[in-house]
PDB file of N, CA and C in Angstrom:
ATOM      1  N   MET A   1     112.774 104.163  92.485  1.00  0.00           N
ATOM      2  CA  MET A   1     111.932 103.001  92.330  1.00  0.00           C
ATOM      3  C   MET A   1     110.763 103.196  93.270  1.00  0.00           C
ATOM      4  N   LYS A   2     109.621 102.630  92.832  1.00  0.00           N
ATOM      5  CA  LYS A   2     108.404 102.640  93.585  1.00  0.00           C
ATOM      6  C   LYS A   2     108.169 101.365  94.210  1.00  0.00           C
ATOM      7  N   LEU A   3     107.961 101.324  95.523  1.00  0.00           N
ATOM      8  CA  LEU A   3     107.683 100.092  96.237  1.00  0.00           C
ATOM      9  C   LEU A   3     106.220 100.098  96.722  1.00  0.00           C
ATOM     10  N   CYS A   4     105.481  99.035  96.402  1.00  0.00           N
ATOM     11  CA  CYS A   4     104.048  98.945  96.675  1.00  0.00           C
ATOM     12  C   CYS A   4     103.745  97.751  97.605  1.00  0.00           C
ATOM     13  N   PHE A   5     103.256  98.015  98.780  1.00  0.00           N
ATOM     14  CA  PHE A   5     102.956  96.944  99.736  1.00  0.00           C
ATOM     15  C   PHE A   5     101.669  97.189 100.419  1.00  0.00           C
ATOM     16  N   ARG A   6     100.596  96.424 100.063  1.00  0.00           N
ATOM     17  CA  ARG A   6      99.240  96.533 100.685  1.00  0.00           C
ATOM     18  C   ARG A   6      98.749  97.934 100.672  1.00  0.00           C
ATOM     19  N   GLY A   7      98.861  98.633  99.527  1.00  0.00           N
ATOM     20  CA  GLY A   7      98.381 100.032  99.447  1.00  0.00           C
ATOM     21  C   GLY A   7      99.319 101.055  99.973  1.00  0.00           C
ATOM     22  N   ASP A   8     100.423 100.704 100.525  1.00  0.00           N
ATOM     23  CA  ASP A   8     101.421 101.598 101.099  1.00  0.00           C
ATOM     24  C   ASP A   8     102.484 101.727 100.018  1.00  0.00           C
ATOM     25  N   ASN A   9     102.516 102.860  99.304  1.00  0.00           N
ATOM     26  CA  ASN A   9     103.448 103.132  98.212  1.00  0.00           C
ATOM     27  C   ASN A   9     104.535 104.047  98.665  1.00  0.00           C
ATOM     28  N   ARG A  10     105.785 103.654  98.452  1.00  0.00           N
ATOM     29  CA  ARG A  10     106.922 104.484  98.876  1.00  0.00           C
ATOM     30  C   ARG A  10     107.956 104.520  97.787  1.00  0.00           C
ATOM     31  N   LEU A  11     108.689 105.600  97.703  1.00  0.00           N
ATOM     32  CA  LEU A  11     109.782 105.680  96.771  1.00  0.00           C
ATOM     33  C   LEU A  11     111.067 105.384  97.488  1.00  0.00           C
ATOM     34  N   LEU A  12     112.001 104.740  96.758  1.00  0.00           N
ATOM     35  CA  LEU A  12     113.308 104.354  97.248  1.00  0.00           C
ATOM     36  C   LEU A  12     114.318 104.678  96.178  1.00  0.00           C
ATOM     37  N   ASP A  13     115.276 105.526  96.495  1.00  0.00           N
ATOM     38  CA  ASP A  13     116.300 105.859  95.520  1.00  0.00           C
ATOM     39  C   ASP A  13     117.511 104.884  95.726  1.00  0.00           C
ATOM     40  N   VAL A  14     117.810 104.146  94.640  1.00  0.00           N
ATOM     41  CA  VAL A  14     118.934 103.239  94.668  1.00  0.00           C
ATOM     42  C   VAL A  14     119.619 103.371  93.292  1.00  0.00           C
ATOM     43  N   PRO A  15     120.882 103.177  93.216  1.00  0.00           N
ATOM     44  CA  PRO A  15     121.545 103.158  91.930  1.00  0.00           C
ATOM     45  C   PRO A  15     121.072 101.994  91.039  1.00  0.00           C
ATOM     46  N   ARG A  16     121.112 102.143  89.779  1.00  0.00           N
ATOM     47  CA  ARG A  16     120.599 101.101  88.864  1.00  0.00           C
ATOM     48  C   ARG A  16     121.335  99.829  89.052  1.00  0.00           C
ATOM     49  N   ASN A  17     122.683  99.926  89.459  1.00  0.00           N
ATOM     50  CA  ASN A  17     123.471  98.668  89.624  1.00  0.00           C
ATOM     51  C   ASN A  17     123.494  98.128  91.048  1.00  0.00           C
ATOM     52  N   VAL A  18     122.524  98.464  91.848  1.00  0.00           N
ATOM     53  CA  VAL A  18     122.475  97.960  93.224  1.00  0.00           C
ATOM     54  C   VAL A  18     122.320  96.435  93.161  1.00  0.00           C
ATOM     55  N   PRO A  19     123.181  95.779  93.972  1.00  0.00           N
ATOM     56  CA  PRO A  19     123.005  94.321  94.045  1.00  0.00           C
ATOM     57  C   PRO A  19     121.696  93.907  94.714  1.00  0.00           C
ATOM     58  N   LEU A  20     121.165  92.801  94.292  1.00  0.00           N
ATOM     59  CA  LEU A  20     119.835  92.356  94.740  1.00  0.00           C
ATOM     60  C   LEU A  20     119.873  92.252  96.321  1.00  0.00           C
ATOM     61  N   HIS A  21     120.894  91.684  96.833  1.00  0.00           N
ATOM     62  CA  HIS A  21     121.003  91.505  98.323  1.00  0.00           C
ATOM     63  C   HIS A  21     120.855  92.930  98.998  1.00  0.00           C
ATOM     64  N   ASP A  22     121.577  93.922  98.491  1.00  0.00           N
ATOM     65  CA  ASP A  22     121.487  95.221  99.053  1.00  0.00           C
ATOM     66  C   ASP A  22     120.095  95.797  98.972  1.00  0.00           C
ATOM     67  N   LEU A  23     119.434  95.567  97.815  1.00  0.00           N
ATOM     68  CA  LEU A  23     118.106  96.067  97.636  1.00  0.00           C
ATOM     69  C   LEU A  23     117.167  95.406  98.663  1.00  0.00           C
ATOM     70  N   ASN A  24     117.312  94.115  98.834  1.00  0.00           N
ATOM     71  CA  ASN A  24     116.474  93.432  99.838  1.00  0.00           C
ATOM     72  C   ASN A  24     116.673  93.944 101.239  1.00  0.00           C
ATOM     73  N   VAL A  25     117.944  94.276 101.562  1.00  0.00           N
ATOM     74  CA  VAL A  25     118.202  94.889 102.869  1.00  0.00           C
ATOM     75  C   VAL A  25     117.540  96.258 103.019  1.00  0.00           C
ATOM     76  N   ARG A  26     117.614  97.010 101.957  1.00  0.00           N
ATOM     77  CA  ARG A  26     116.980  98.385 102.000  1.00  0.00           C
ATOM     78  C   ARG A  26     115.476  98.298 102.090  1.00  0.00           C
ATOM     79  N   VAL A  27     114.870  97.384 101.387  1.00  0.00           N
ATOM     80  CA  VAL A  27     113.433  97.204 101.438  1.00  0.00           C
ATOM     81  C   VAL A  27     113.093  96.727 102.824  1.00  0.00           C
ATOM     82  N   HIS A  28     113.796  95.801 103.397  1.00  0.00           N
ATOM     83  CA  HIS A  28     113.590  95.346 104.771  1.00  0.00           C
ATOM     84  C   HIS A  28     113.603  96.531 105.778  1.00  0.00           C
ATOM     85  N   LEU A  29     114.642  97.380 105.685  1.00  0.00           N
ATOM     86  CA  LEU A  29     114.767  98.477 106.539  1.00  0.00           C
ATOM     87  C   LEU A  29     113.602  99.456 106.383  1.00  0.00           C
ATOM     88  N   ARG A  30     113.204  99.642 105.138  1.00  0.00           N
ATOM     89  CA  ARG A  30     112.149 100.639 104.844  1.00  0.00           C
ATOM     90  C   ARG A  30     110.772 100.236 105.340  1.00  0.00           C
ATOM     91  N   PHE A  31     110.528  98.864 105.322  1.00  0.00           N
ATOM     92  CA  PHE A  31     109.228  98.415 105.762  1.00  0.00           C
ATOM     93  C   PHE A  31     109.222  97.663 107.093  1.00  0.00           C
ATOM     94  N   GLY A  32     110.445  97.427 107.619  1.00  0.00           N
ATOM     95  CA  GLY A  32     110.529  96.804 108.891  1.00  0.00           C
ATOM     96  C   GLY A  32     110.377  95.301 108.955  1.00  0.00           C
ATOM     97  N   ARG A  33     110.440  94.708 107.771  1.00  0.00           N
ATOM     98  CA  ARG A  33     110.205  93.217 107.608  1.00  0.00           C
ATOM     99  C   ARG A  33     110.784  92.795 106.325  1.00  0.00           C
ATOM    100  N   PRO A  34     111.132  91.528 106.206  1.00  0.00           N
ATOM    101  CA  PRO A  34     111.547  90.973 104.926  1.00  0.00           C
ATOM    102  C   PRO A  34     110.390  90.821 104.001  1.00  0.00           C
ATOM    103  N   LEU A  35     110.518  91.177 102.784  1.00  0.00           N
ATOM    104  CA  LEU A  35     109.398  91.056 101.835  1.00  0.00           C
ATOM    105  C   LEU A  35     109.863  90.461 100.501  1.00  0.00           C
ATOM    106  N   VAL A  36     108.976  89.813  99.854  1.00  0.00           N
ATOM    107  CA  VAL A  36     109.237  89.240  98.473  1.00  0.00           C
ATOM    108  C   VAL A  36     109.050  90.382  97.443  1.00  0.00           C
ATOM    109  N   LEU A  37     110.006  90.509  96.535  1.00  0.00           N
ATOM    110  CA  LEU A  37     109.915  91.521  95.482  1.00  0.00           C
ATOM    111  C   LEU A  37     109.423  90.914  94.213  1.00  0.00           C
ATOM    112  N   ARG A  38     108.480  91.590  93.584  1.00  0.00           N
ATOM    113  CA  ARG A  38     107.962  91.104  92.278  1.00  0.00           C
ATOM    114  C   ARG A  38     107.773  92.297  91.318  1.00  0.00           C
ATOM    115  N   PHE A  39     107.821  92.021  90.037  1.00  0.00           N
ATOM    116  CA  PHE A  39     107.591  93.014  89.009  1.00  0.00           C
ATOM    117  C   PHE A  39     106.640  92.391  87.968  1.00  0.00           C
ATOM    118  N   LYS A  40     105.966  93.257  87.235  1.00  0.00           N
ATOM    119  CA  LYS A  40     105.046  92.812  86.128  1.00  0.00           C
ATOM    120  C   LYS A  40     105.862  92.729  84.886  1.00  0.00           C
ATOM    121  N   ASP A  41     105.744  91.537  84.250  1.00  0.00           N
ATOM    122  CA  ASP A  41     106.381  91.357  82.935  1.00  0.00           C
ATOM    123  C   ASP A  41     105.550  91.878  81.865  1.00  0.00           C
ATOM    124  N   ASP A  42     105.944  91.626  80.598  1.00  0.00           N
ATOM    125  CA  ASP A  42     105.236  92.186  79.415  1.00  0.00           C
ATOM    126  C   ASP A  42     103.871  91.577  79.267  1.00  0.00           C
ATOM    127  N   ASP A  43     103.574  90.395  79.848  1.00  0.00           N
ATOM    128  CA  ASP A  43     102.291  89.786  79.791  1.00  0.00           C
ATOM    129  C   ASP A  43     101.394  90.248  80.995  1.00  0.00           C
ATOM    130  N   GLY A  44     101.963  91.047  81.901  1.00  0.00           N
ATOM    131  CA  GLY A  44     101.146  91.444  83.053  1.00  0.00           C
ATOM    132  C   GLY A  44     101.213  90.493  84.217  1.00  0.00           C
ATOM    133  N   ASP A  45     102.060  89.480  84.068  1.00  0.00           N
ATOM    134  CA  ASP A  45     102.235  88.520  85.179  1.00  0.00           C
ATOM    135  C   ASP A  45     103.243  89.036  86.197  1.00  0.00           C
ATOM    136  N   LEU A  46     102.960  88.761  87.488  1.00  0.00           N
ATOM    137  CA  LEU A  46     103.925  89.188  88.504  1.00  0.00           C
ATOM    138  C   LEU A  46     104.948  88.083  88.700  1.00  0.00           C
ATOM    139  N   LEU A  47     106.277  88.442  88.491  1.00  0.00           N
ATOM    140  CA  LEU A  47     107.364  87.537  88.525  1.00  0.00           C
ATOM    141  C   LEU A  47     108.183  87.867  89.837  1.00  0.00           C
ATOM    142  N   THR A  48     108.573  86.850  90.538  1.00  0.00           N
ATOM    143  CA  THR A  48     109.383  87.019  91.762  1.00  0.00           C
ATOM    144  C   THR A  48     110.797  87.268  91.454  1.00  0.00           C
ATOM    145  N   ILE A  49     111.371  88.319  92.006  1.00  0.00           N
ATOM    146  CA  ILE A  49     112.753  88.607  91.856  1.00  0.00           C
ATOM    147  C   ILE A  49     113.568  87.910  92.955  1.00  0.00           C
ATOM    148  N   ASP A  50     114.051  86.722  92.570  1.00  0.00           N
ATOM    149  CA  ASP A  50     114.770  85.845  93.546  1.00  0.00           C
ATOM    150  C   ASP A  50     116.141  85.520  93.101  1.00  0.00           C
ATOM    151  N   SER A  51     116.643  86.201  92.041  1.00  0.00           N
ATOM    152  CA  SER A  51     117.957  85.954  91.522  1.00  0.00           C
ATOM    153  C   SER A  51     118.444  87.208  90.867  1.00  0.00           C
ATOM    154  N   ARG A  52     119.764  87.212  90.631  1.00  0.00           N
ATOM    155  CA  ARG A  52     120.332  88.411  89.879  1.00  0.00           C
ATOM    156  C   ARG A  52     119.763  88.491  88.447  1.00  0.00           C
ATOM    157  N   GLU A  53     119.530  87.271  87.855  1.00  0.00           N
ATOM    158  CA  GLU A  53     118.949  87.264  86.512  1.00  0.00           C
ATOM    159  C   GLU A  53     117.531  87.920  86.465  1.00  0.00           C
ATOM    160  N   MET A  54     116.735  87.617  87.462  1.00  0.00           N
ATOM    161  CA  MET A  54     115.408  88.217  87.485  1.00  0.00           C
ATOM    162  C   MET A  54     115.480  89.698  87.794  1.00  0.00           C
ATOM    163  N   TRP A  55     116.422  90.092  88.647  1.00  0.00           N
ATOM    164  CA  TRP A  55     116.590  91.505  88.955  1.00  0.00           C
ATOM    165  C   TRP A  55     116.922  92.294  87.691  1.00  0.00           C
ATOM    166  N   LEU A  56     117.888  91.700  86.884  1.00  0.00           N
ATOM    167  CA  LEU A  56     118.261  92.318  85.658  1.00  0.00           C
ATOM    168  C   LEU A  56     117.134  92.331  84.609  1.00  0.00           C
ATOM    169  N   ARG A  57     116.299  91.361  84.593  1.00  0.00           N
ATOM    170  CA  ARG A  57     115.139  91.392  83.766  1.00  0.00           C
ATOM    171  C   ARG A  57     114.186  92.541  84.153  1.00  0.00           C
ATOM    172  N   ALA A  58     113.973  92.729  85.472  1.00  0.00           N
ATOM    173  CA  ALA A  58     113.088  93.806  85.936  1.00  0.00           C
ATOM    174  C   ALA A  58     113.674  95.186  85.513  1.00  0.00           C
ATOM    175  N   LEU A  59     114.982  95.314  85.688  1.00  0.00           N
ATOM    176  CA  LEU A  59     115.607  96.591  85.315  1.00  0.00           C
ATOM    177  C   LEU A  59     115.518  96.793  83.781  1.00  0.00           C
ATOM    178  N   ASN A  60     115.768  95.791  82.979  1.00  0.00           N
ATOM    179  CA  ASN A  60     115.650  95.902  81.572  1.00  0.00           C
ATOM    180  C   ASN A  60     114.278  96.209  81.125  1.00  0.00           C
ATOM    181  N   LYS A  61     113.232  95.568  81.737  1.00  0.00           N
ATOM    182  CA  LYS A  61     111.888  95.932  81.378  1.00  0.00           C
ATOM    183  C   LYS A  61     111.598  97.381  81.614  1.00  0.00           C
ATOM    184  N   ALA A  62     111.977  97.921  82.804  1.00  0.00           N
ATOM    185  CA  ALA A  62     111.848  99.346  83.094  1.00  0.00           C
ATOM    186  C   ALA A  62     112.501 100.229  82.079  1.00  0.00           C
ATOM    187  N   ALA A  63     113.714  99.829  81.642  1.00  0.00           N
ATOM    188  CA  ALA A  63     114.406 100.592  80.651  1.00  0.00           C
ATOM    189  C   ALA A  63     113.691 100.561  79.301  1.00  0.00           C
ATOM    190  N   ARG A  64     113.208  99.426  78.909  1.00  0.00           N
ATOM    191  CA  ARG A  64     112.424  99.345  77.643  1.00  0.00           C
ATOM    192  C   ARG A  64     111.133 100.072  77.669  1.00  0.00           C
ATOM    193  N   ASP A  65     110.471 100.165  78.864  1.00  0.00           N
ATOM    194  CA  ASP A  65     109.269 100.834  78.942  1.00  0.00           C
ATOM    195  C   ASP A  65     109.515 102.379  79.146  1.00  0.00           C
ATOM    196  N   ARG A  66     110.726 102.765  79.299  1.00  0.00           N
ATOM    197  CA  ARG A  66     111.165 104.120  79.552  1.00  0.00           C
ATOM    198  C   ARG A  66     110.341 104.684  80.790  1.00  0.00           C
ATOM    199  N   ALA A  67     110.201 103.855  81.771  1.00  0.00           N
ATOM    200  CA  ALA A  67     109.460 104.223  82.926  1.00  0.00           C
ATOM    201  C   ALA A  67     110.297 105.125  83.822  1.00  0.00           C
ATOM    202  N   ASP A  68     109.590 106.121  84.471  1.00  0.00           N
ATOM    203  CA  ASP A  68     110.262 107.036  85.362  1.00  0.00           C
ATOM    204  C   ASP A  68     110.809 106.256  86.637  1.00  0.00           C
ATOM    205  N   HIS A  69     110.008 105.277  87.035  1.00  0.00           N
ATOM    206  CA  HIS A  69     110.347 104.477  88.199  1.00  0.00           C
ATOM    207  C   HIS A  69     110.075 103.056  87.909  1.00  0.00           C
ATOM    208  N   LEU A  70     110.941 102.186  88.347  1.00  0.00           N
ATOM    209  CA  LEU A  70     110.685 100.772  88.354  1.00  0.00           C
ATOM    210  C   LEU A  70     109.682 100.485  89.483  1.00  0.00           C
ATOM    211  N   ARG A  71     108.576  99.794  89.242  1.00  0.00           N
ATOM    212  CA  ARG A  71     107.560  99.541  90.179  1.00  0.00           C
ATOM    213  C   ARG A  71     107.698  98.096  90.647  1.00  0.00           C
ATOM    214  N   LEU A  72     107.902  97.986  91.941  1.00  0.00           N
ATOM    215  CA  LEU A  72     108.011  96.628  92.490  1.00  0.00           C
ATOM    216  C   LEU A  72     106.771  96.376  93.466  1.00  0.00           C
ATOM    217  N   GLU A  73     106.154  95.287  93.292  1.00  0.00           N
ATOM    218  CA  GLU A  73     105.079  94.876  94.165  1.00  0.00           C
ATOM    219  C   GLU A  73     105.700  94.019  95.247  1.00  0.00           C
ATOM    220  N   LEU A  74     105.356  94.308  96.503  1.00  0.00           N
ATOM    221  CA  LEU A  74     105.986  93.628  97.621  1.00  0.00           C
ATOM    222  C   LEU A  74     104.919  92.749  98.289  1.00  0.00           C
ATOM    223  N   PHE A  75     105.344  91.590  98.749  1.00  0.00           N
ATOM    224  CA  PHE A  75     104.473  90.587  99.428  1.00  0.00           C
ATOM    225  C   PHE A  75     105.158  90.017 100.661  1.00  0.00           C
ATOM    226  N   ASP A  76     104.335  89.783 101.600  1.00  0.00           N
ATOM    227  CA  ASP A  76     104.809  89.009 102.850  1.00  0.00           C
ATOM    228  C   ASP A  76     105.133  87.602 102.398  1.00  0.00           C
ATOM    229  N   PRO A  77     106.311  87.084 102.813  1.00  0.00           N
ATOM    230  CA  PRO A  77     106.733  85.731 102.347  1.00  0.00           C
ATOM    231  C   PRO A  77     105.740  84.682 102.835  1.00  0.00           C
ATOM    232  N   THR A  78     104.981  84.897 103.945  1.00  0.00           N
ATOM    233  CA  THR A  78     104.085  83.847 104.367  1.00  0.00           C
ATOM    234  C   THR A  78     102.832  83.778 103.521  1.00  0.00           C
ATOM    235  N   GLU A  79     102.574  84.803 102.707  1.00  0.00           N
ATOM    236  CA  GLU A  79     101.412  84.851 101.829  1.00  0.00           C
ATOM    237  C   GLU A  79     101.662  84.262 100.488  1.00  0.00           C
ATOM    238  N   ILE A  80     102.952  83.855 100.214  1.00  0.00           N
ATOM    239  CA  ILE A  80     103.335  83.325  98.859  1.00  0.00           C
ATOM    240  C   ILE A  80     103.342  81.800  98.987  1.00  0.00           C
ATOM    241  N   ALA A  81     102.574  81.124  98.138  1.00  0.00           N
ATOM    242  CA  ALA A  81     102.549  79.638  98.123  1.00  0.00           C
ATOM    243  C   ALA A  81     103.874  79.160  97.517  1.00  0.00           C
ATOM    244  N   PRO A  82     104.500  78.124  98.177  1.00  0.00           N
ATOM    245  CA  PRO A  82     105.688  77.582  97.565  1.00  0.00           C
ATOM    246  C   PRO A  82     105.406  76.901  96.246  1.00  0.00           C
ATOM    247  N   PRO A  83     106.441  76.819  95.422  1.00  0.00           N
ATOM    248  CA  PRO A  83     106.213  76.112  94.056  1.00  0.00           C
ATOM    249  C   PRO A  83     105.624  74.760  94.293  1.00  0.00           C
ATOM    250  N   GLY A  84     104.632  74.397  93.448  1.00  0.00           N
ATOM    251  CA  GLY A  84     104.038  73.083  93.506  1.00  0.00           C
ATOM    252  C   GLY A  84     102.925  72.925  94.561  1.00  0.00           C
ATOM    253  N   ALA A  85     102.713  73.948  95.355  1.00  0.00           N
ATOM    254  CA  ALA A  85     101.659  73.903  96.418  1.00  0.00           C
ATOM    255  C   ALA A  85     100.318  74.005  95.736  1.00  0.00           C
ATOM    256  N   PRO A  86      99.293  73.274  96.267  1.00  0.00           N
ATOM    257  CA  PRO A  86      97.932  73.501  95.715  1.00  0.00           C
ATOM    258  C   PRO A  86      97.395  74.878  95.863  1.00  0.00           C
ATOM    259  N   LYS A  87      96.600  75.340  94.938  1.00  0.00           N
ATOM    260  CA  LYS A  87      96.078  76.671  94.983  1.00  0.00           C
ATOM    261  C   LYS A  87      94.736  76.701  95.543  1.00  0.00           C
TER     262      LYS A  87
END
């Protein structure tokens, strides 16, 4: 999988069935901080991976696209507006 955070792109090898919690731990260790994971859906929107269901959607999209790597965009949690917050 390809992890992209502020122009810093890194590869991370994980099994396809890695639990979301374990993935979050590995990303944290890789970048030295907790980060929010997002993927681009079919409409080009960035969706937050905050549940097992969303993680499975990201994996299924990569499989449908026959992508070599699942690409995850990473964000600092302090930069993400909470739901319902003014933009």
